[in-house]
N, C-alpha and C. Protein backbone atom coordinates (compact mmCIF):
# COMPACT_ATOMS: atom_id res chain seq x y z
N UNK A 1 -63.79 37.57 95.70
CA UNK A 1 -64.74 37.25 95.39
C UNK A 1 -65.67 38.41 94.41
N UNK A 2 -66.32 37.77 93.32
CA UNK A 2 -67.20 38.91 92.64
C UNK A 2 -68.36 39.30 93.31
N UNK A 3 -68.23 40.78 93.05
CA UNK A 3 -69.42 41.40 93.46
C UNK A 3 -71.01 41.38 92.70
N UNK A 4 -70.80 41.07 91.55
CA UNK A 4 -71.83 41.14 90.53
C UNK A 4 -72.00 39.79 90.15
N UNK A 5 -73.52 39.49 90.11
CA UNK A 5 -73.87 38.29 89.73
C UNK A 5 -73.65 37.85 88.29
N UNK A 6 -73.25 38.56 87.43
CA UNK A 6 -72.89 38.23 85.87
C UNK A 6 -71.38 37.72 86.20
N UNK A 7 -70.79 38.50 87.14
CA UNK A 7 -69.00 37.86 87.33
C UNK A 7 -69.18 36.56 87.79
N UNK A 8 -70.31 36.31 88.80
CA UNK A 8 -70.15 35.01 89.35
C UNK A 8 -70.42 33.90 88.11
N UNK A 9 -71.35 34.27 87.37
CA UNK A 9 -71.74 33.33 86.16
C UNK A 9 -70.70 33.23 85.39
N UNK A 10 -70.08 34.29 85.14
CA UNK A 10 -68.88 34.21 84.20
C UNK A 10 -67.65 33.34 84.66
N UNK A 11 -67.51 33.22 85.67
CA UNK A 11 -66.52 32.39 86.51
C UNK A 11 -66.90 31.14 86.40
N UNK A 12 -68.05 30.74 86.63
CA UNK A 12 -68.74 29.27 86.35
C UNK A 12 -68.44 28.96 85.05
N UNK A 13 -68.94 29.81 83.92
CA UNK A 13 -68.92 29.34 82.62
C UNK A 13 -67.40 29.16 82.02
N UNK A 14 -66.49 30.09 82.47
CA UNK A 14 -65.18 29.78 82.07
C UNK A 14 -64.69 28.55 82.48
N UNK A 15 -64.82 28.34 83.80
CA UNK A 15 -64.53 26.95 84.29
C UNK A 15 -64.74 25.83 83.61
N UNK A 16 -66.09 25.97 83.14
CA UNK A 16 -66.71 24.72 82.57
C UNK A 16 -66.23 24.47 81.08
N UNK A 17 -65.69 25.90 80.29
CA UNK A 17 -65.10 25.90 79.17
C UNK A 17 -63.71 25.46 79.33
N UNK A 18 -62.90 25.98 80.46
CA UNK A 18 -61.65 25.29 80.38
C UNK A 18 -61.68 23.85 80.78
N UNK A 19 -62.52 23.14 81.18
CA UNK A 19 -62.57 21.78 81.32
C UNK A 19 -62.69 21.03 80.03
N UNK A 20 -63.69 21.50 79.47
CA UNK A 20 -64.00 21.25 78.02
C UNK A 20 -62.76 21.07 77.14
N UNK A 21 -62.19 22.57 77.15
CA UNK A 21 -61.02 22.61 76.07
C UNK A 21 -59.76 21.79 76.36
N UNK A 22 -59.63 21.59 77.93
CA UNK A 22 -58.78 20.71 78.07
C UNK A 22 -58.82 19.06 77.62
N UNK A 23 -60.19 18.83 77.96
CA UNK A 23 -60.42 17.28 77.35
C UNK A 23 -60.10 17.32 75.89
N UNK A 24 -60.67 18.38 75.11
CA UNK A 24 -60.67 18.32 73.76
C UNK A 24 -59.08 18.19 73.25
N UNK A 25 -58.20 19.18 73.87
CA UNK A 25 -56.90 19.03 73.53
C UNK A 25 -56.08 17.66 73.89
N UNK A 26 -56.45 17.33 75.08
CA UNK A 26 -56.03 15.99 75.48
C UNK A 26 -56.16 14.79 74.56
N UNK A 27 -57.36 14.72 74.18
CA UNK A 27 -58.21 13.67 73.30
C UNK A 27 -57.34 13.90 71.86
N UNK A 28 -56.91 14.90 71.43
CA UNK A 28 -56.25 15.28 70.10
C UNK A 28 -54.88 14.87 70.18
N UNK A 29 -54.15 15.33 71.50
CA UNK A 29 -52.65 14.97 71.81
C UNK A 29 -52.75 13.52 71.81
N UNK A 30 -53.56 12.57 72.42
CA UNK A 30 -53.49 11.46 72.36
C UNK A 30 -53.71 10.40 71.22
N UNK A 31 -54.38 11.06 70.42
CA UNK A 31 -54.54 10.48 69.11
C UNK A 31 -53.52 10.39 68.13
N UNK A 32 -52.64 11.95 68.27
CA UNK A 32 -51.55 12.30 67.56
C UNK A 32 -50.50 11.14 68.09
N UNK A 33 -50.26 11.07 69.55
CA UNK A 33 -49.24 10.07 69.82
C UNK A 33 -49.45 8.62 69.24
N UNK A 34 -50.72 8.35 69.28
CA UNK A 34 -51.05 7.09 68.68
C UNK A 34 -50.47 6.87 67.52
N UNK A 35 -50.75 8.20 66.68
CA UNK A 35 -50.52 7.96 64.88
C UNK A 35 -48.61 7.93 64.98
N UNK A 36 -48.20 8.81 65.76
CA UNK A 36 -46.83 8.66 65.60
C UNK A 36 -46.20 7.62 66.26
N UNK A 37 -46.76 7.00 66.99
CA UNK A 37 -46.13 5.69 67.76
C UNK A 37 -46.69 4.62 67.19
N UNK A 38 -47.15 4.45 65.90
CA UNK A 38 -47.62 3.30 65.28
C UNK A 38 -46.63 2.47 64.73
N UNK A 39 -46.40 1.31 64.72
CA UNK A 39 -45.94 0.28 64.37
C UNK A 39 -45.96 -0.11 62.98
N UNK A 40 -46.99 0.10 62.40
CA UNK A 40 -47.07 -0.09 60.79
C UNK A 40 -47.99 0.93 60.44
N UNK A 41 -47.74 1.07 58.84
CA UNK A 41 -48.65 1.87 58.29
C UNK A 41 -49.92 1.86 58.35
N UNK A 42 -50.41 0.74 58.35
CA UNK A 42 -51.89 0.51 58.58
C UNK A 42 -52.42 0.95 59.78
N UNK A 43 -51.82 0.72 60.81
CA UNK A 43 -52.00 1.20 62.16
C UNK A 43 -52.30 2.56 62.20
N UNK A 44 -51.35 3.45 61.66
CA UNK A 44 -51.28 4.77 61.61
C UNK A 44 -52.43 5.33 60.51
N UNK A 45 -52.58 4.48 59.64
CA UNK A 45 -53.97 5.05 58.76
C UNK A 45 -55.09 4.57 59.53
N UNK A 46 -55.32 3.74 60.19
CA UNK A 46 -56.57 3.94 60.86
C UNK A 46 -56.79 4.80 61.95
N UNK A 47 -55.68 5.13 62.53
CA UNK A 47 -56.02 6.47 63.57
C UNK A 47 -56.28 7.74 62.71
N UNK A 48 -55.74 8.07 61.38
CA UNK A 48 -56.24 9.19 60.91
C UNK A 48 -57.66 9.55 60.87
N UNK A 49 -58.31 8.78 60.51
CA UNK A 49 -59.96 9.19 60.56
C UNK A 49 -60.36 9.89 61.98
N UNK A 50 -59.75 9.22 62.93
CA UNK A 50 -60.31 9.48 64.35
C UNK A 50 -59.65 10.67 64.61
N UNK A 51 -58.26 11.14 64.39
CA UNK A 51 -57.89 12.18 64.63
C UNK A 51 -58.41 13.33 63.81
N UNK A 52 -58.75 13.30 62.46
CA UNK A 52 -59.47 14.17 61.64
C UNK A 52 -60.98 14.74 62.44
N UNK A 53 -61.61 13.53 62.71
CA UNK A 53 -63.03 13.86 63.20
C UNK A 53 -62.64 14.56 64.69
N UNK A 54 -61.79 14.23 65.33
CA UNK A 54 -61.56 15.21 66.33
C UNK A 54 -61.26 16.64 66.23
N UNK A 55 -60.24 16.84 65.00
CA UNK A 55 -60.11 18.16 64.58
C UNK A 55 -60.97 18.92 64.18
N UNK A 56 -61.81 18.32 63.44
CA UNK A 56 -63.16 18.91 62.82
C UNK A 56 -64.03 19.47 63.84
N UNK A 57 -64.39 18.64 64.64
CA UNK A 57 -65.24 18.91 65.88
C UNK A 57 -64.88 20.17 66.43
N UNK A 58 -63.63 20.17 67.03
CA UNK A 58 -62.93 21.18 67.66
C UNK A 58 -62.88 22.38 66.95
N UNK A 59 -62.28 22.66 65.85
CA UNK A 59 -62.77 23.61 64.92
C UNK A 59 -63.91 24.18 64.54
N UNK A 60 -64.77 23.18 64.43
CA UNK A 60 -66.52 23.62 64.14
C UNK A 60 -66.80 24.03 65.44
N UNK A 61 -66.66 23.61 66.68
CA UNK A 61 -67.30 24.19 67.89
C UNK A 61 -66.17 25.19 68.63
N UNK A 62 -65.18 25.67 67.88
CA UNK A 62 -64.22 26.58 68.55
C UNK A 62 -63.66 25.96 69.92
N UNK A 63 -63.25 24.82 70.18
CA UNK A 63 -63.16 24.26 71.52
C UNK A 63 -61.46 23.93 71.48
N UNK A 64 -61.02 23.99 72.53
CA UNK A 64 -59.53 23.36 72.60
C UNK A 64 -58.54 24.64 71.93
N UNK A 65 -58.94 25.50 71.71
CA UNK A 65 -58.25 26.71 71.03
C UNK A 65 -57.60 26.22 69.76
N UNK A 66 -58.76 25.46 68.95
CA UNK A 66 -58.35 24.94 67.61
C UNK A 66 -59.05 25.62 66.70
N UNK A 67 -58.56 26.36 65.84
CA UNK A 67 -59.36 27.00 64.38
C UNK A 67 -59.19 26.24 63.48
N UNK A 68 -59.86 26.85 62.36
CA UNK A 68 -59.82 25.81 61.20
C UNK A 68 -58.37 25.76 60.77
N UNK A 69 -57.69 26.70 60.88
CA UNK A 69 -56.33 26.85 60.36
C UNK A 69 -55.32 26.20 61.09
N UNK A 70 -55.70 25.89 62.44
CA UNK A 70 -54.89 24.93 63.31
C UNK A 70 -55.25 23.52 63.06
N UNK A 71 -56.26 23.38 62.76
CA UNK A 71 -56.90 21.99 62.33
C UNK A 71 -56.11 21.54 60.99
N UNK A 72 -56.13 22.35 60.33
CA UNK A 72 -55.27 21.99 58.66
C UNK A 72 -54.03 21.81 58.92
N UNK A 73 -53.48 22.60 59.89
CA UNK A 73 -51.67 22.18 60.10
C UNK A 73 -51.52 20.88 60.56
N UNK A 74 -52.83 20.45 61.64
CA UNK A 74 -52.24 19.18 62.20
C UNK A 74 -52.57 17.97 61.45
N UNK A 75 -53.70 18.30 60.56
CA UNK A 75 -53.81 17.37 59.43
C UNK A 75 -52.76 17.25 58.41
N UNK A 76 -51.90 18.35 58.25
CA UNK A 76 -51.02 18.33 57.10
C UNK A 76 -49.88 17.47 57.73
N UNK A 77 -49.72 17.59 58.98
CA UNK A 77 -48.37 16.89 59.93
C UNK A 77 -48.88 15.53 59.96
N UNK A 78 -50.23 15.35 60.20
CA UNK A 78 -50.43 13.86 60.38
C UNK A 78 -50.38 13.01 58.98
N UNK A 79 -50.65 13.55 58.03
CA UNK A 79 -50.36 13.02 56.80
C UNK A 79 -48.79 12.60 56.25
N UNK A 80 -48.14 13.86 56.85
CA UNK A 80 -46.97 13.80 56.52
C UNK A 80 -46.03 12.53 57.60
N UNK A 81 -46.41 12.40 58.45
CA UNK A 81 -46.14 11.37 59.39
C UNK A 81 -46.55 9.95 58.89
N UNK A 82 -47.80 9.93 58.18
CA UNK A 82 -48.02 8.53 57.54
C UNK A 82 -47.16 8.28 56.44
N UNK A 83 -46.87 9.44 55.70
CA UNK A 83 -46.03 9.26 54.13
C UNK A 83 -44.80 8.98 54.75
N UNK A 84 -44.18 9.76 55.75
CA UNK A 84 -42.59 9.26 55.89
C UNK A 84 -42.48 8.02 56.72
N UNK A 85 -43.44 7.55 57.37
CA UNK A 85 -43.63 6.36 57.94
C UNK A 85 -43.51 5.30 56.96
N UNK A 86 -43.89 5.32 55.67
CA UNK A 86 -43.72 4.27 54.59
C UNK A 86 -42.20 4.39 54.21
N UNK A 87 -41.71 5.73 54.16
CA UNK A 87 -40.48 5.98 53.32
C UNK A 87 -39.21 5.14 54.59
N UNK A 88 -39.78 5.70 55.86
CA UNK A 88 -38.72 5.07 56.81
C UNK A 88 -38.63 3.82 56.90
N UNK A 89 -39.82 2.94 56.84
CA UNK A 89 -40.03 1.41 56.86
C UNK A 89 -39.01 0.89 55.47
N UNK A 90 -39.07 1.35 54.68
CA UNK A 90 -38.47 1.11 53.57
C UNK A 90 -36.96 1.35 53.53
N UNK A 91 -36.56 2.46 54.07
CA UNK A 91 -35.30 2.49 54.30
C UNK A 91 -34.52 1.75 55.39
N UNK A 92 -35.12 1.37 56.32
CA UNK A 92 -34.74 0.32 57.27
C UNK A 92 -34.67 -1.06 56.80
N UNK A 93 -35.36 -1.48 55.86
CA UNK A 93 -35.62 -2.82 55.33
C UNK A 93 -34.31 -3.06 54.28
N UNK A 94 -33.75 -1.72 53.67
CA UNK A 94 -32.53 -1.87 52.78
C UNK A 94 -31.42 -2.16 53.51
N UNK A 95 -31.38 -1.63 54.78
CA UNK A 95 -29.83 -1.62 55.55
C UNK A 95 -29.48 -3.07 55.70
N UNK A 96 -27.99 -3.24 55.57
CA UNK A 96 -27.34 -4.80 55.34
C UNK A 96 -27.58 -5.01 57.10
N UNK A 97 -27.64 -6.15 56.95
CA UNK A 97 -27.33 -6.55 58.52
C UNK A 97 -25.83 -6.34 59.23
N UNK A 98 -25.79 -5.97 60.47
CA UNK A 98 -24.60 -5.93 60.98
C UNK A 98 -24.10 -6.91 61.80
N UNK A 99 -23.00 -7.27 61.67
CA UNK A 99 -22.29 -8.33 62.42
C UNK A 99 -21.64 -7.63 63.91
N UNK A 100 -21.75 -8.66 64.85
CA UNK A 100 -21.43 -7.99 66.02
C UNK A 100 -19.85 -7.94 66.12
N UNK A 101 -19.50 -6.74 67.05
CA UNK A 101 -18.13 -6.29 67.02
C UNK A 101 -17.31 -7.53 67.51
N UNK A 102 -16.05 -7.64 67.13
CA UNK A 102 -15.01 -8.63 67.32
C UNK A 102 -15.27 -9.91 66.87
N UNK A 103 -15.97 -10.12 65.93
CA UNK A 103 -16.32 -11.38 64.97
C UNK A 103 -15.05 -11.21 63.87
N UNK A 104 -14.89 -12.56 63.34
CA UNK A 104 -13.92 -12.57 62.45
C UNK A 104 -14.37 -11.83 61.28
N UNK A 105 -15.42 -11.72 60.66
CA UNK A 105 -15.81 -11.11 59.63
C UNK A 105 -15.72 -9.60 59.52
N UNK A 106 -15.78 -9.06 60.79
CA UNK A 106 -15.58 -7.62 61.07
C UNK A 106 -13.99 -7.37 60.91
N UNK A 107 -13.20 -8.29 61.24
CA UNK A 107 -11.66 -8.05 61.54
C UNK A 107 -11.30 -8.01 59.88
N UNK A 108 -11.74 -9.14 58.96
CA UNK A 108 -11.45 -9.51 57.75
C UNK A 108 -11.71 -8.11 57.03
N UNK A 109 -13.00 -7.76 57.22
CA UNK A 109 -13.22 -6.50 56.23
C UNK A 109 -12.33 -5.05 56.65
N UNK A 110 -12.09 -5.16 57.70
CA UNK A 110 -11.67 -3.91 58.22
C UNK A 110 -10.11 -4.04 57.85
N UNK A 111 -9.22 -5.18 57.89
CA UNK A 111 -8.10 -5.35 57.32
C UNK A 111 -7.87 -5.28 55.66
N UNK A 112 -9.01 -5.61 55.18
CA UNK A 112 -9.15 -5.52 53.43
C UNK A 112 -9.36 -4.09 53.17
N UNK A 113 -10.13 -3.31 54.05
CA UNK A 113 -10.45 -2.03 53.67
C UNK A 113 -9.50 -1.11 53.65
N UNK A 114 -8.63 -1.27 55.09
CA UNK A 114 -7.55 -0.34 55.37
C UNK A 114 -6.46 -0.32 54.42
N UNK A 115 -5.76 0.66 53.82
CA UNK A 115 -4.59 0.64 52.84
C UNK A 115 -3.21 0.41 53.90
N UNK A 116 -2.51 -0.28 53.22
CA UNK A 116 -1.05 -0.55 54.15
C UNK A 116 0.04 0.63 53.98
N UNK A 117 0.26 1.09 55.11
CA UNK A 117 1.43 2.30 55.13
C UNK A 117 2.63 1.72 54.86
N UNK A 118 3.45 2.21 54.09
CA UNK A 118 4.68 1.80 53.93
C UNK A 118 5.70 2.74 54.17
């Protein structure tokens, strides 16, 4: 137990700050999960302003252990995630459809592709 009145006050204020920091960090992480788990680029782009707002507020108020440099790093990663999302969706659309194993089409292509040994 603290013996000084100022130590008691400090314990109370540090507990309050801990709870605020925890909620700020949690909301930022939740927004990042929504952004990274988005199914379309539009969905991810809708989450960007919310994430940036949370990061700016946290950096301005010095909450959640987020400094302005940390906020900038998170913003960069978020932009890259949205940009790479567009590249990933284009790459997945280009792939040719696969035929199930054991079908005739698969057997014919493997026979034609394999050189005959003599």
